[in-house]
Amino acid sequence: MGVDLYWLPLGAGGRSVRLNGKVYEAFRARREHRCRCELYHSALEVATDTGVYVIEMAPAWDELATDRGVVGEGAVGSRLLGHLRLFQYEIRCWRDGRIPDVEEAVNSPQRLTDEAPQARRVLDLIATVPTPVWGRDELRTGDMWNSNSVIAWLLVTSGIDPRLAHLPPGGRAPGWNAGLAAARRSRRVTSHGSHCGQPRMQHCAH
């Protein structure tokens, strides 16, 4: 039993998403006067006495399996377009599921805990993850909400120290801080919440 984290290069398996990510990071790096970083998307694999579950946020249209453990949905980019499937995301807790392009994961898997109660708590909390608009800062955290926000939120609220998540050298996880900030505000934050922090990474030089 336990919880493993995977870091996947943004857009793994898809050229357009990867290209858009590089353009976005180039703009942010120039604006923040730093070098460019590799962008990563995170996902969890949770093993309990009831099975192994894959947890991640993903586009609602990218998976054909009907039983994929959808526990939450939200809009992408704009609530006005959220009624269209093309502009919807879903949060999955997929028993015996798969992480797309897991073969491209870097420095993964990373074991975050071997404690069965923490692993079960992750599953208990997944359906309560906030679902603001993807790519926006509706929660006013100073960071946009995305897949990394979901993972960071789950780690903190389940009592797992998010500093155990080690980003690949030179990597960055947009949205991570949004999840941390939202978790701190949540009434479900445990005493471990004081350990909130960014995943460890090699910072880009200015």
Protein backbone atom coordinates (compact mmCIF):
# COMPACT_ATOMS: atom_id res chain seq x y z
CA MET A 1 0.00 0.00 0.00
CA GLY A 2 1.13 3.55 -0.61
CA VAL A 3 1.05 6.61 -2.85
CA ASP A 4 3.34 7.15 -5.85
CA LEU A 5 3.70 10.37 -7.82
CA TYR A 6 4.55 10.61 -11.52
CA TRP A 7 5.95 13.64 -13.36
CA LEU A 8 5.03 13.70 -17.04
CA PRO A 9 6.40 16.29 -19.49
CA LEU A 10 3.62 18.69 -20.42
CA GLY A 11 2.01 17.48 -23.62
CA ALA A 12 3.59 14.02 -23.54
CA GLY A 13 2.31 12.20 -26.60
CA GLY A 14 0.81 15.35 -28.15
CA ARG A 15 2.78 17.86 -30.24
CA SER A 16 0.31 20.76 -30.08
CA VAL A 17 0.04 20.81 -26.28
CA ARG A 18 3.81 20.55 -25.91
CA LEU A 19 4.35 23.39 -28.39
CA ASN A 20 1.80 25.61 -26.65
CA GLY A 21 3.46 24.83 -23.32
CA LYS A 22 6.85 25.90 -24.63
CA VAL A 23 5.40 29.16 -25.94
CA TYR A 24 3.72 29.82 -22.59
CA GLU A 25 6.89 29.08 -20.62
CA ALA A 26 9.01 31.25 -22.92
CA PHE A 27 6.62 34.17 -22.28
CA ARG A 28 6.60 33.62 -18.49
CA ALA A 29 10.37 33.23 -18.32
CA ARG A 30 10.91 36.47 -20.18
CA ARG A 31 8.38 38.27 -18.03
CA GLU A 32 9.96 36.96 -14.80
CA HIS A 33 13.55 37.48 -16.00
CA ARG A 34 14.62 33.85 -15.66
CA CYS A 35 15.62 30.99 -17.90
CA ARG A 36 13.07 28.63 -19.38
CA CYS A 37 12.11 25.49 -17.49
CA GLU A 38 10.65 22.19 -18.57
CA LEU A 39 6.96 22.03 -17.61
CA TYR A 40 5.48 18.96 -15.91
CA HIS A 41 2.05 17.50 -15.27
CA SER A 42 1.56 15.30 -12.19
CA ALA A 43 -0.53 12.22 -11.47
CA LEU A 44 -0.85 9.79 -8.56
CA GLU A 45 -1.08 6.05 -8.26
CA VAL A 46 -2.67 4.99 -4.98
CA ALA A 47 -2.53 1.39 -3.75
CA THR A 48 -4.93 0.33 -0.98
CA ASP A 49 -6.52 -2.88 0.22
CA THR A 50 -9.34 -2.31 -2.30
CA GLY A 51 -7.13 -1.95 -5.36
CA VAL A 52 -4.80 0.38 -7.26
CA TYR A 53 -6.19 3.72 -8.41
CA VAL A 54 -4.87 6.31 -10.88
CA ILE A 55 -5.69 9.89 -9.92
CA GLU A 56 -5.30 12.80 -12.31
CA MET A 57 -7.03 15.70 -14.02
CA ALA A 58 -7.40 15.31 -17.78
CA PRO A 59 -9.46 16.62 -20.72
CA ALA A 60 -12.92 15.07 -20.76
CA TRP A 61 -12.50 14.03 -24.39
CA ASP A 62 -9.10 12.29 -24.32
CA GLU A 63 -10.13 8.89 -22.94
CA LEU A 64 -12.60 6.49 -24.57
CA ALA A 65 -13.03 4.12 -21.62
CA THR A 66 -16.51 4.54 -20.15
CA ASP A 67 -15.63 3.38 -16.63
CA ARG A 68 -12.74 5.70 -15.82
CA GLY A 69 -13.71 6.77 -12.31
CA VAL A 70 -14.81 10.34 -12.93
CA VAL A 71 -15.42 12.08 -9.59
CA GLY A 72 -15.42 15.74 -10.62
CA GLU A 73 -15.74 17.98 -13.67
CA GLY A 74 -14.96 21.58 -14.54
CA ALA A 75 -14.62 24.09 -17.36
CA VAL A 76 -11.48 24.80 -19.36
CA GLY A 77 -10.58 28.42 -20.00
CA SER A 78 -14.07 29.89 -19.58
CA ARG A 79 -17.29 28.96 -17.81
CA LEU A 80 -19.19 30.26 -20.82
CA LEU A 81 -17.70 27.45 -22.92
CA GLY A 82 -17.84 24.83 -20.18
CA HIS A 83 -21.02 23.25 -21.55
CA LEU A 84 -19.04 22.06 -24.58
CA ARG A 85 -17.15 18.78 -24.08
CA LEU A 86 -14.11 20.22 -25.85
CA PHE A 87 -13.83 22.75 -23.01
CA GLN A 88 -14.34 20.38 -20.09
CA TYR A 89 -11.90 18.60 -17.78
CA GLU A 90 -12.52 15.73 -15.43
CA ILE A 91 -10.91 14.49 -12.24
CA ARG A 92 -10.46 10.73 -12.27
CA CYS A 93 -10.00 8.16 -9.54
CA TRP A 94 -9.70 5.19 -11.87
CA ARG A 95 -9.40 1.75 -10.34
CA ASP A 96 -6.94 -0.36 -12.33
CA GLY A 97 -6.63 2.62 -14.65
CA ARG A 98 -3.70 3.87 -16.65
CA ILE A 99 -1.62 7.03 -16.87
CA PRO A 100 -1.37 8.02 -20.55
CA ASP A 101 2.23 8.16 -21.83
CA VAL A 102 3.55 6.94 -18.47
CA GLU A 103 6.60 5.64 -20.31
CA GLU A 104 7.64 9.28 -20.78
CA ALA A 105 7.51 10.04 -17.04
CA VAL A 106 10.71 11.56 -15.60
CA ASN A 107 12.22 10.72 -12.20
CA SER A 108 9.17 8.58 -11.53
CA PRO A 109 7.54 6.95 -9.70
CA GLN A 110 8.29 8.75 -6.43
CA ARG A 111 7.00 7.02 -3.30
CA LEU A 112 5.37 9.66 -1.10
CA THR A 113 4.05 7.41 1.66
CA ASP A 114 3.74 3.77 2.65
CA GLU A 115 1.06 4.56 5.23
CA ALA A 116 -2.25 2.83 4.46
CA PRO A 117 -4.41 5.43 6.32
CA GLN A 118 -2.94 8.26 4.22
CA ALA A 119 -3.48 6.34 1.00
CA ARG A 120 -7.11 5.67 1.94
CA ARG A 121 -7.57 9.31 2.91
CA VAL A 122 -6.47 10.40 -0.57
CA LEU A 123 -9.28 8.28 -2.00
CA ASP A 124 -11.75 9.65 0.55
CA LEU A 125 -10.92 13.24 -0.38
CA ILE A 126 -10.70 13.04 -4.17
CA ALA A 127 -14.41 13.76 -4.68
CA THR A 128 -14.10 16.99 -2.63
CA VAL A 129 -11.33 18.60 -4.70
CA PRO A 130 -12.30 22.14 -5.83
CA THR A 131 -13.22 22.44 -9.52
CA PRO A 132 -12.60 26.05 -10.60
CA VAL A 133 -11.98 26.92 -14.25
CA TRP A 134 -8.79 25.34 -15.60
CA GLY A 135 -6.12 27.86 -16.52
CA ARG A 136 -7.66 30.67 -14.47
CA ASP A 137 -7.13 32.00 -10.95
CA GLU A 138 -10.72 32.01 -9.73
CA LEU A 139 -9.60 31.16 -6.18
CA ARG A 140 -7.27 34.18 -6.11
CA THR A 141 -4.19 32.23 -5.11
CA GLY A 142 -1.79 33.99 -7.48
CA ASP A 143 -1.48 30.85 -9.60
CA MET A 144 -3.73 29.20 -12.19
CA TRP A 145 -5.71 26.06 -11.41
CA ASN A 146 -4.75 22.88 -13.28
CA SER A 147 -3.79 19.23 -12.83
CA ASN A 148 -0.89 20.05 -10.53
CA SER A 149 -3.25 22.03 -8.30
CA VAL A 150 -5.38 18.91 -7.81
CA ILE A 151 -2.40 16.78 -6.79
CA ALA A 152 -0.95 19.41 -4.43
CA TRP A 153 -4.38 19.91 -2.81
CA LEU A 154 -4.79 16.18 -2.26
CA LEU A 155 -1.34 15.74 -0.72
CA VAL A 156 -1.81 18.51 1.81
CA THR A 157 -5.37 17.65 2.82
CA SER A 158 -4.52 13.95 3.22
CA GLY A 159 -1.55 14.75 5.46
CA ILE A 160 1.24 13.92 3.00
CA ASP A 161 4.14 16.40 2.99
CA PRO A 162 4.17 17.92 -0.53
CA ARG A 163 7.89 18.63 -0.18
CA LEU A 164 8.41 14.90 -0.78
CA ALA A 165 7.53 15.58 -4.42
CA HIS A 166 10.85 16.19 -6.20
CA LEU A 167 10.57 17.83 -9.59
CA PRO A 168 13.09 16.74 -12.24
CA PRO A 169 16.11 19.09 -12.46
CA GLY A 170 15.24 22.32 -14.23
CA GLY A 171 11.53 21.55 -14.05
CA ARG A 172 8.51 23.60 -13.08
CA ALA A 173 4.97 22.62 -12.12
CA PRO A 174 2.55 25.46 -12.92
CA GLY A 175 -0.52 25.38 -10.70
CA TRP A 176 1.17 23.65 -7.75
CA ASN A 177 0.98 26.74 -5.55
CA ALA A 178 -2.72 27.15 -6.31
CA GLY A 179 -3.38 23.72 -4.85
CA LEU A 180 -1.29 24.48 -1.76
CA ALA A 181 -3.07 27.78 -1.15
CA ALA A 182 -6.53 26.28 -1.61
CA ALA A 183 -5.67 23.43 0.75
CA ARG A 184 -4.52 25.84 3.47
CA ARG A 185 -7.92 27.48 3.33
CA SER A 186 -9.76 24.19 3.53
CA ARG A 187 -11.22 23.10 6.83
CA ARG A 188 -9.98 19.60 6.05
CA VAL A 189 -6.29 20.54 6.32
CA THR A 190 -4.61 18.37 8.96
CA SER A 191 -1.87 19.36 11.34
CA HIS A 192 0.55 18.39 8.55
CA GLY A 193 -0.61 21.49 6.68
CA SER A 194 2.21 23.47 8.27
CA HIS A 195 4.59 21.53 6.03
CA CYS A 196 3.16 23.01 2.84
CA GLY A 197 5.85 23.69 0.30
CA GLN A 198 6.80 23.55 -3.33
CA PRO A 199 8.08 20.33 -4.89
CA ARG A 200 11.84 20.31 -4.78
CA MET A 201 13.45 21.37 -8.02
CA GLN A 202 16.58 22.80 -9.55
CA HIS A 203 15.77 26.49 -9.91
CA CYS A 204 16.47 28.12 -13.25
CA ALA A 205 19.20 30.75 -13.11
CA HIS A 206 18.30 34.39 -13.65
